[in-house]
Amino acid sequence: MAKVEILKSLILEIKKKFSRQEANEILDVMHELEDNPRKGKLLTSVGGFVIKEIKYKGFRFYFITDGHKLKFLGAKDLTDLLLRFVRMSDKKRQQETIDEIRNVLQKIGPGGFS
C-alpha cells in the first residue's frame, strides 16, 4: 500500500472551489491511489520523478512520485512509495500547470512543493 500525501494548500483550494460533498469525493478518489498506485495518466518524467494526473469532471489533479519504484516494483513492494498531490487545474490551464510542476522539479526537486 502506497502513501498518499496531499498538500494543505491544495486541500484548501479544493474545499474553496467545490461543494463539501464534491470535495470529499475528490479527496476519496485521491486516497484510492493507496491501493492502486499505478492509476492515473502518465504525463512526463523529470529526473526520475513521474508527473501523473487524475481527472474529476473538468479538472485535473497532478501528483508526483518516484518513477523507478512505480515501474519496476511489484504491487507488494510498493509499501514505501509516496504519491504527493501538488497542483490542480482546469482544462484551459493544463499545460501551464504541467510546465510549472516540471520547472519546480528541475530547479528545486520534490521538496519545492509546500
Protein backbone atom coordinates (compact mmCIF):
# COMPACT_ATOMS: atom_id res chain seq x y z
CA MET A 1 0.00 0.00 0.00
CA ALA A 2 1.43 3.34 -1.05
CA LYS A 3 1.19 6.53 0.97
CA VAL A 4 -0.77 9.48 -0.44
CA GLU A 5 0.18 12.99 0.66
CA ILE A 6 -1.91 15.99 -0.33
CA LEU A 7 -0.51 19.49 0.16
CA LYS A 8 -2.54 21.59 2.59
CA SER A 9 -2.70 24.43 0.07
CA LEU A 10 -4.27 22.03 -2.46
CA ILE A 11 -6.82 20.78 0.08
CA LEU A 12 -7.81 24.37 0.82
CA GLU A 13 -8.10 25.14 -2.89
CA ILE A 14 -10.31 22.08 -3.42
CA LYS A 15 -12.56 22.99 -0.49
CA LYS A 16 -12.86 26.57 -1.77
CA LYS A 17 -13.67 25.57 -5.36
CA PHE A 18 -16.05 22.64 -4.79
CA SER A 19 -19.03 21.91 -2.57
CA ARG A 20 -18.39 19.98 0.61
CA GLN A 21 -19.70 16.73 -0.89
CA GLU A 22 -17.66 17.06 -4.09
CA ALA A 23 -14.52 17.98 -2.14
CA ASN A 24 -14.89 14.81 -0.07
CA GLU A 25 -15.40 12.74 -3.24
CA ILE A 26 -12.24 14.21 -4.77
CA LEU A 27 -10.20 13.52 -1.65
CA ASP A 28 -11.55 9.94 -1.58
CA VAL A 29 -10.51 9.43 -5.21
CA MET A 30 -7.03 10.69 -4.34
CA HIS A 31 -6.77 8.32 -1.38
CA GLU A 32 -7.83 5.37 -3.58
CA LEU A 33 -4.34 5.57 -5.06
CA GLU A 34 -3.02 3.99 -1.85
CA ASP A 35 -4.48 0.69 -3.05
CA ASN A 36 -3.78 1.20 -6.76
CA PRO A 37 -0.72 3.48 -7.19
CA ARG A 38 -0.43 2.81 -10.93
CA LYS A 39 -3.75 4.59 -11.53
CA GLY A 40 -3.63 7.91 -13.36
CA LYS A 41 -2.34 9.15 -16.69
CA LEU A 42 1.42 9.47 -17.07
CA LEU A 43 2.30 12.95 -18.34
CA THR A 44 6.05 13.34 -18.18
CA SER A 45 9.17 12.38 -16.29
CA VAL A 46 11.71 14.73 -14.72
CA GLY A 47 14.92 13.46 -13.14
CA GLY A 48 13.48 10.10 -12.07
CA PHE A 49 10.21 11.61 -10.85
CA VAL A 50 6.99 10.99 -12.71
CA ILE A 51 4.20 13.55 -13.09
CA LYS A 52 0.77 11.94 -13.36
CA GLU A 53 -2.80 13.20 -13.36
CA ILE A 54 -6.21 12.01 -12.37
CA LYS A 55 -9.36 13.65 -13.68
CA TYR A 56 -12.54 14.67 -11.93
CA LYS A 57 -15.17 16.20 -14.20
CA GLY A 58 -13.38 19.10 -15.96
CA PHE A 59 -10.50 19.33 -13.51
CA ARG A 60 -7.12 17.62 -13.32
CA PHE A 61 -5.21 16.82 -10.14
CA TYR A 62 -1.47 16.35 -10.53
CA PHE A 63 0.78 14.20 -8.39
CA ILE A 64 4.43 13.25 -8.43
CA THR A 65 6.09 10.00 -7.45
CA ASP A 66 9.33 8.05 -7.86
CA GLY A 67 9.18 6.70 -11.39
CA HIS A 68 11.71 3.91 -10.85
CA LYS A 69 9.81 2.36 -7.96
CA LEU A 70 6.49 2.65 -9.77
CA LYS A 71 7.81 0.97 -12.90
CA PHE A 72 9.90 -1.86 -11.51
CA LEU A 73 8.45 -2.88 -8.17
CA GLY A 74 5.60 -5.34 -7.76
CA ALA A 75 2.36 -4.49 -6.00
CA LYS A 76 3.55 -5.90 -2.67
CA ASP A 77 6.80 -3.91 -2.79
CA LEU A 78 5.12 -0.53 -3.24
CA THR A 79 4.63 -0.03 0.50
CA ASP A 80 7.20 2.76 0.73
CA LEU A 81 6.02 4.63 -2.37
CA LEU A 82 4.95 8.23 -1.76
CA LEU A 83 2.38 9.86 -4.03
CA ARG A 84 2.32 13.62 -3.48
CA PHE A 85 -0.55 15.66 -4.93
CA VAL A 86 0.79 19.09 -5.75
CA ARG A 87 -1.49 21.03 -8.10
CA MET A 88 -4.95 21.28 -9.63
CA SER A 89 -6.06 22.87 -12.91
CA ASP A 90 -8.91 23.09 -15.35
CA LYS A 91 -8.59 22.10 -18.99
CA LYS A 92 -7.57 25.61 -20.13
CA ARG A 93 -4.58 25.90 -17.77
CA GLN A 94 -3.46 22.27 -18.08
CA GLN A 95 -0.19 22.78 -19.97
CA GLU A 96 0.75 25.84 -17.93
CA THR A 97 0.35 23.84 -14.70
CA ILE A 98 2.35 20.88 -16.03
CA ASP A 99 5.17 23.23 -17.07
CA GLU A 100 5.15 24.83 -13.61
CA ILE A 101 5.44 21.42 -11.90
CA ARG A 102 8.25 20.39 -14.27
CA ASN A 103 10.10 23.65 -13.61
CA VAL A 104 9.93 23.23 -9.82
CA LEU A 105 11.17 19.63 -10.07
CA GLN A 106 14.10 20.64 -12.28
CA LYS A 107 15.22 23.58 -10.17
CA ILE A 108 14.42 22.58 -6.59
CA GLY A 109 13.26 18.96 -6.60
CA PRO A 110 10.22 17.43 -4.92
CA GLY A 111 10.88 19.42 -1.74
CA GLY A 112 9.94 22.59 -3.62
CA PHE A 113 6.24 21.90 -3.14
CA SER A 114 4.76 23.11 0.10
